[in-house]
Amino acid sequence: MPHHHTTPHTSNTITKHLLVSGHVQGVGYRWSMVQAAARLGVQGWVRNRHDGRVEACAWGRPDAVQALIDWAQQGPASARVDAVVVGNVPDGGEPPQGFTQRETA
């Protein structure tokens, strides 16, 4: 019988999905998040949604992703964040390159 190692896939990265509600469109929120993510070394994307929320996906080391979530709960000075709903994202293989703004969904 072939011997299979059942070692879990141990990568030091996590992926989180964020839905941010409040006054977060038209206030530089996405641009600021791109800057914050770059500073923290987090990869992923951010976009506006037609329902007025901002949606983002963050990939990186757990402490860096948590720092971006902490940032998201404040946002830039001109934003008013009411809530950030954080969800887990199944590991989708390769992370995106950098942190980008996507088209409104």
N, C-alpha and C. Protein backbone atom coordinates (compact mmCIF):
# COMPACT_ATOMS: atom_id res chain seq x y z
N MET A 1 0.85 -1.19 0.00
CA MET A 1 0.00 0.00 0.00
C MET A 1 0.89 1.25 0.00
N PRO A 2 0.59 2.18 -0.89
CA PRO A 2 1.39 3.42 -0.90
C PRO A 2 1.16 4.20 0.39
N HIS A 3 2.22 4.79 0.89
CA HIS A 3 2.13 5.51 2.14
C HIS A 3 1.84 6.99 1.86
N HIS A 4 0.70 7.48 2.32
CA HIS A 4 0.32 8.87 2.09
C HIS A 4 0.50 9.69 3.36
N HIS A 5 1.19 10.79 3.22
CA HIS A 5 1.31 11.71 4.34
C HIS A 5 0.09 12.64 4.35
N THR A 6 -0.54 12.74 5.49
CA THR A 6 -1.70 13.62 5.58
C THR A 6 -1.32 14.90 6.31
N THR A 7 -0.26 15.54 5.84
CA THR A 7 0.12 16.81 6.46
C THR A 7 -0.78 17.91 5.90
N PRO A 8 -1.38 18.67 6.79
CA PRO A 8 -2.25 19.76 6.31
C PRO A 8 -1.44 20.80 5.55
N HIS A 9 -2.11 21.49 4.67
CA HIS A 9 -1.47 22.55 3.89
C HIS A 9 -1.17 23.72 4.84
N THR A 10 0.08 23.84 5.25
CA THR A 10 0.42 24.86 6.24
C THR A 10 1.03 26.07 5.56
N SER A 11 0.17 26.99 5.19
CA SER A 11 0.67 28.27 4.69
C SER A 11 0.38 29.30 5.77
N ASN A 12 1.23 30.27 5.86
CA ASN A 12 1.05 31.28 6.91
C ASN A 12 0.17 32.43 6.45
N THR A 13 -0.77 32.11 5.59
CA THR A 13 -1.64 33.17 5.09
C THR A 13 -3.10 32.80 5.29
N ILE A 14 -3.92 33.82 5.43
CA ILE A 14 -5.37 33.63 5.53
C ILE A 14 -6.04 34.56 4.52
N THR A 15 -7.27 34.25 4.20
CA THR A 15 -8.06 35.11 3.31
C THR A 15 -9.35 35.47 4.01
N LYS A 16 -9.65 36.77 4.02
CA LYS A 16 -10.89 37.23 4.65
C LYS A 16 -11.69 38.07 3.66
N HIS A 17 -13.00 37.92 3.75
CA HIS A 17 -13.91 38.68 2.93
C HIS A 17 -14.54 39.75 3.81
N LEU A 18 -14.56 41.00 3.33
CA LEU A 18 -15.09 42.11 4.11
C LEU A 18 -16.25 42.77 3.38
N LEU A 19 -17.31 43.07 4.12
CA LEU A 19 -18.40 43.90 3.61
C LEU A 19 -18.53 45.09 4.55
N VAL A 20 -18.27 46.27 4.02
CA VAL A 20 -18.23 47.47 4.84
C VAL A 20 -19.45 48.33 4.53
N SER A 21 -20.21 48.66 5.57
CA SER A 21 -21.38 49.52 5.37
C SER A 21 -21.19 50.82 6.12
N GLY A 22 -21.91 51.83 5.66
CA GLY A 22 -21.78 53.18 6.22
C GLY A 22 -21.63 54.17 5.08
N HIS A 23 -21.04 55.31 5.37
CA HIS A 23 -20.79 56.30 4.33
C HIS A 23 -19.39 56.04 3.80
N VAL A 24 -19.29 55.06 2.86
CA VAL A 24 -17.98 54.57 2.45
C VAL A 24 -17.75 54.64 0.94
N GLN A 25 -18.68 55.28 0.23
CA GLN A 25 -18.48 55.47 -1.21
C GLN A 25 -18.32 56.95 -1.50
N GLY A 26 -17.40 57.26 -2.41
CA GLY A 26 -17.17 58.65 -2.78
C GLY A 26 -16.37 59.43 -1.75
N VAL A 27 -15.70 58.73 -0.85
CA VAL A 27 -14.93 59.41 0.21
C VAL A 27 -13.47 58.94 0.19
N GLY A 28 -13.05 58.31 -0.93
CA GLY A 28 -11.67 57.84 -1.02
C GLY A 28 -11.41 56.57 -0.24
N TYR A 29 -12.47 55.86 0.10
CA TYR A 29 -12.32 54.67 0.94
C TYR A 29 -11.50 53.59 0.22
N ARG A 30 -11.88 53.30 -1.02
CA ARG A 30 -11.18 52.24 -1.75
C ARG A 30 -9.71 52.61 -1.95
N TRP A 31 -9.46 53.83 -2.37
CA TRP A 31 -8.08 54.26 -2.60
C TRP A 31 -7.27 54.16 -1.31
N SER A 32 -7.89 54.58 -0.21
CA SER A 32 -7.20 54.52 1.08
C SER A 32 -6.93 53.09 1.50
N MET A 33 -7.87 52.19 1.20
CA MET A 33 -7.67 50.79 1.56
C MET A 33 -6.53 50.19 0.75
N VAL A 34 -6.44 50.56 -0.52
CA VAL A 34 -5.33 50.09 -1.35
C VAL A 34 -4.00 50.54 -0.74
N GLN A 35 -3.95 51.79 -0.30
CA GLN A 35 -2.74 52.31 0.35
C GLN A 35 -2.43 51.56 1.63
N ALA A 36 -3.45 51.34 2.45
CA ALA A 36 -3.26 50.64 3.72
C ALA A 36 -2.79 49.21 3.49
N ALA A 37 -3.40 48.55 2.51
CA ALA A 37 -3.03 47.16 2.21
C ALA A 37 -1.58 47.08 1.74
N ALA A 38 -1.18 48.04 0.90
CA ALA A 38 0.19 48.05 0.41
C ALA A 38 1.17 48.24 1.57
N ARG A 39 0.79 49.12 2.48
CA ARG A 39 1.64 49.39 3.64
C ARG A 39 1.78 48.14 4.51
N LEU A 40 0.71 47.37 4.61
CA LEU A 40 0.70 46.19 5.48
C LEU A 40 1.19 44.93 4.78
N GLY A 41 1.35 45.01 3.47
CA GLY A 41 1.75 43.82 2.73
C GLY A 41 0.62 42.84 2.51
N VAL A 42 -0.60 43.37 2.42
CA VAL A 42 -1.78 42.53 2.19
C VAL A 42 -2.15 42.60 0.71
N GLN A 43 -2.51 41.45 0.14
CA GLN A 43 -2.95 41.42 -1.24
C GLN A 43 -4.45 41.19 -1.30
N GLY A 44 -5.05 41.49 -2.45
CA GLY A 44 -6.48 41.28 -2.59
C GLY A 44 -7.10 42.33 -3.49
N TRP A 45 -8.36 42.67 -3.21
CA TRP A 45 -9.07 43.66 -4.03
C TRP A 45 -10.16 44.33 -3.22
N VAL A 46 -10.64 45.45 -3.75
CA VAL A 46 -11.73 46.19 -3.11
C VAL A 46 -12.60 46.78 -4.21
N ARG A 47 -13.91 46.85 -3.97
CA ARG A 47 -14.81 47.44 -4.96
C ARG A 47 -16.05 47.99 -4.28
N ASN A 48 -16.67 48.94 -4.96
CA ASN A 48 -17.98 49.43 -4.52
C ASN A 48 -19.05 48.45 -4.95
N ARG A 49 -20.14 48.44 -4.20
CA ARG A 49 -21.32 47.67 -4.58
C ARG A 49 -22.48 48.63 -4.80
N HIS A 50 -23.41 48.20 -5.65
CA HIS A 50 -24.54 49.06 -5.96
C HIS A 50 -25.44 49.29 -4.76
N ASP A 51 -25.32 48.46 -3.72
CA ASP A 51 -26.15 48.64 -2.53
C ASP A 51 -25.54 49.66 -1.56
N GLY A 52 -24.43 50.29 -1.99
CA GLY A 52 -23.83 51.33 -1.16
C GLY A 52 -22.71 50.85 -0.26
N ARG A 53 -22.51 49.54 -0.25
CA ARG A 53 -21.44 49.02 0.59
C ARG A 53 -20.14 48.91 -0.20
N VAL A 54 -19.06 48.69 0.51
CA VAL A 54 -17.78 48.39 -0.10
C VAL A 54 -17.43 46.95 0.23
N GLU A 55 -17.01 46.20 -0.78
CA GLU A 55 -16.66 44.80 -0.60
C GLU A 55 -15.17 44.64 -0.84
N ALA A 56 -14.53 43.83 -0.04
CA ALA A 56 -13.09 43.62 -0.21
C ALA A 56 -12.72 42.19 0.13
N CYS A 57 -11.61 41.76 -0.42
CA CYS A 57 -11.04 40.46 -0.10
C CYS A 57 -9.57 40.70 0.22
N ALA A 58 -9.13 40.21 1.37
CA ALA A 58 -7.76 40.47 1.83
C ALA A 58 -7.04 39.15 2.05
N TRP A 59 -5.83 39.04 1.51
CA TRP A 59 -5.03 37.83 1.59
C TRP A 59 -3.66 38.19 2.14
N GLY A 60 -3.22 37.48 3.17
CA GLY A 60 -1.90 37.78 3.70
C GLY A 60 -1.68 37.08 5.04
N ARG A 61 -0.63 37.49 5.74
CA ARG A 61 -0.36 36.93 7.07
C ARG A 61 -1.51 37.32 8.00
N PRO A 62 -1.86 36.45 8.95
CA PRO A 62 -3.00 36.73 9.84
C PRO A 62 -2.90 38.09 10.53
N ASP A 63 -1.70 38.46 11.00
CA ASP A 63 -1.59 39.74 11.71
C ASP A 63 -1.78 40.91 10.76
N ALA A 64 -1.32 40.77 9.53
CA ALA A 64 -1.47 41.85 8.56
C ALA A 64 -2.91 42.00 8.12
N VAL A 65 -3.57 40.86 7.88
CA VAL A 65 -4.99 40.90 7.49
C VAL A 65 -5.82 41.50 8.62
N GLN A 66 -5.52 41.11 9.86
CA GLN A 66 -6.26 41.67 11.00
C GLN A 66 -6.04 43.17 11.11
N ALA A 67 -4.80 43.61 10.81
CA ALA A 67 -4.52 45.04 10.86
C ALA A 67 -5.33 45.79 9.80
N LEU A 68 -5.51 45.17 8.63
CA LEU A 68 -6.30 45.81 7.58
C LEU A 68 -7.78 45.85 7.99
N ILE A 69 -8.25 44.78 8.65
CA ILE A 69 -9.64 44.77 9.14
C ILE A 69 -9.82 45.88 10.18
N ASP A 70 -8.82 46.02 11.06
CA ASP A 70 -8.89 47.10 12.05
C ASP A 70 -8.95 48.45 11.35
N TRP A 71 -8.14 48.60 10.30
CA TRP A 71 -8.17 49.85 9.54
C TRP A 71 -9.54 50.06 8.90
N ALA A 72 -10.10 48.97 8.36
CA ALA A 72 -11.38 49.06 7.64
C ALA A 72 -12.50 49.56 8.56
N GLN A 73 -12.38 49.26 9.86
CA GLN A 73 -13.42 49.67 10.80
C GLN A 73 -13.36 51.18 11.07
N GLN A 74 -12.26 51.82 10.68
CA GLN A 74 -12.14 53.27 10.78
C GLN A 74 -12.29 53.92 9.41
N GLY A 75 -11.48 53.41 8.46
CA GLY A 75 -11.50 53.99 7.13
C GLY A 75 -10.79 55.33 7.12
N PRO A 76 -10.81 56.01 5.98
CA PRO A 76 -10.22 57.35 5.91
C PRO A 76 -11.03 58.35 6.71
N ALA A 77 -10.45 59.52 6.94
CA ALA A 77 -11.09 60.51 7.80
C ALA A 77 -12.49 60.91 7.33
N SER A 78 -12.69 60.92 6.02
CA SER A 78 -13.98 61.40 5.49
C SER A 78 -15.06 60.34 5.48
N ALA A 79 -14.70 59.10 5.82
CA ALA A 79 -15.68 58.01 5.80
C ALA A 79 -16.34 57.86 7.15
N ARG A 80 -17.53 57.26 7.14
CA ARG A 80 -18.18 56.86 8.39
C ARG A 80 -18.54 55.38 8.25
N VAL A 81 -17.83 54.56 9.00
CA VAL A 81 -18.05 53.12 8.91
C VAL A 81 -19.04 52.70 9.99
N ASP A 82 -20.14 52.09 9.56
CA ASP A 82 -21.14 51.60 10.52
C ASP A 82 -20.85 50.16 10.94
N ALA A 83 -20.43 49.35 9.99
CA ALA A 83 -20.21 47.94 10.30
C ALA A 83 -19.25 47.33 9.28
N VAL A 84 -18.47 46.38 9.75
CA VAL A 84 -17.63 45.57 8.88
C VAL A 84 -17.96 44.12 9.16
N VAL A 85 -18.53 43.44 8.17
CA VAL A 85 -18.85 42.03 8.31
C VAL A 85 -17.70 41.24 7.70
N VAL A 86 -17.04 40.43 8.53
CA VAL A 86 -15.87 39.69 8.09
C VAL A 86 -16.24 38.22 7.94
N GLY A 87 -15.94 37.66 6.78
CA GLY A 87 -16.19 36.25 6.54
C GLY A 87 -14.94 35.54 6.11
N ASN A 88 -14.93 34.23 6.28
CA ASN A 88 -13.80 33.44 5.81
C ASN A 88 -13.99 33.11 4.34
N VAL A 89 -12.89 33.05 3.63
CA VAL A 89 -12.91 32.69 2.22
C VAL A 89 -12.11 31.40 2.07
N PRO A 90 -12.66 30.39 1.41
CA PRO A 90 -11.86 29.18 1.20
C PRO A 90 -10.61 29.53 0.40
N ASP A 91 -9.51 28.87 0.70
CA ASP A 91 -8.27 29.15 0.02
C ASP A 91 -8.42 28.88 -1.47
N GLY A 92 -8.34 29.94 -2.25
CA GLY A 92 -8.53 29.81 -3.69
C GLY A 92 -7.24 29.69 -4.46
N GLY A 93 -6.24 29.06 -3.85
CA GLY A 93 -4.99 28.85 -4.57
C GLY A 93 -4.13 30.09 -4.56
N GLU A 94 -3.71 30.51 -5.75
CA GLU A 94 -2.78 31.62 -5.85
C GLU A 94 -3.43 32.93 -5.43
N PRO A 95 -2.73 33.73 -4.65
CA PRO A 95 -3.26 35.03 -4.28
C PRO A 95 -3.18 36.00 -5.45
N PRO A 96 -3.97 37.05 -5.41
CA PRO A 96 -3.85 38.07 -6.44
C PRO A 96 -2.51 38.78 -6.30
N GLN A 97 -2.08 39.41 -7.36
CA GLN A 97 -0.86 40.19 -7.31
C GLN A 97 -1.20 41.61 -6.87
N GLY A 98 -0.68 42.01 -5.73
CA GLY A 98 -0.97 43.36 -5.25
C GLY A 98 -2.38 43.48 -4.71
N PHE A 99 -2.83 44.71 -4.57
CA PHE A 99 -4.17 44.99 -4.05
C PHE A 99 -4.82 45.96 -5.02
N THR A 100 -5.91 45.57 -5.62
CA THR A 100 -6.46 46.34 -6.74
C THR A 100 -7.90 46.78 -6.48
N GLN A 101 -8.31 47.82 -7.18
CA GLN A 101 -9.70 48.23 -7.18
C GLN A 101 -10.39 47.54 -8.34
N ARG A 102 -11.57 46.99 -8.07
CA ARG A 102 -12.34 46.31 -9.12
C ARG A 102 -13.54 47.17 -9.49
N GLU A 103 -14.16 46.78 -10.62
CA GLU A 103 -15.37 47.47 -11.06
C GLU A 103 -16.49 47.26 -10.04
N THR A 104 -17.39 48.22 -9.98
CA THR A 104 -18.55 48.13 -9.10
C THR A 104 -19.37 46.90 -9.43
N ALA A 105 -19.82 46.21 -8.39
CA ALA A 105 -20.61 44.99 -8.59
C ALA A 105 -22.02 45.20 -8.08
